[in-house]
Amino acid sequence: MAALNKIRFKSIQLKITLWTGICLLLAAAIIIAYAATSLRNTAIRTAEEQAVIVARSEAEVIKAEVDVALSAARTLAQTLSAVKNEDHLINLDRRDVNVILRELTADNPNFTGVFTVWEPNGFDGQDPEYARVVPYDGTGRFITYWTRNKQGGIWIETPVDYEMEGSGDYYQLPKNTQRECIIDPYVYPVQGEDVR
């Protein structure tokens, strides 16, 4: 009987040990799964927060660059519109405006270029005298584009496609809407190279 009790005792002890081990193993698995899920969720949340911080920072940098360009364009537009205002005594000729455009390009190294495109005889009424004179096209319209190449060289060119829908949106959209426009980047020739 003592041997039977000893076997039963060992059997009960074995069952208790086995069930305790299973419970501990199950508890450990639940704790590990919870910790892993919690850690994963925390990592995802932290990564999302970091991505938002970086995106906001980059957006501010881009906004600052766009604001500089818009401010320069607005100032240039206001200055050149004063030429046509009879209440102001501003007499700028094509050469004077080209000096302004060149300096604006030179003073802003992030600008690929600065241009002006006027309607036929809209600037000085002298389009026929400038027809086929560099940098103007066959129309003689006052159209110039001061550009900067990758090496930083500044050069005057004739704007292209300004009358074409699509590739001429840089001129057509503001002309048609009578509002300033920001258009999507596109490929445009600058000093013999296609630039985006």
Foldseek 3Di string as FASTA:
>chain_A
DVVVVVVVVVVVVVVVVVVVVVVVVVVVVVVVVVVVVVVVVVVVVVVVVVVVVVVVVVVVVVVVVVVVVVVVVVVLVVVQVLCVDPVDDDPDDLVRNVVVQQVVCLVDVVDQKDKDFADQCRRPNCQVVQQPPPQEHNRSTSIWIWGQDPVGDTDIHGAPPCVPPPVNCCNVVCVVVVDHDDDDDDWDDDPRDTDD
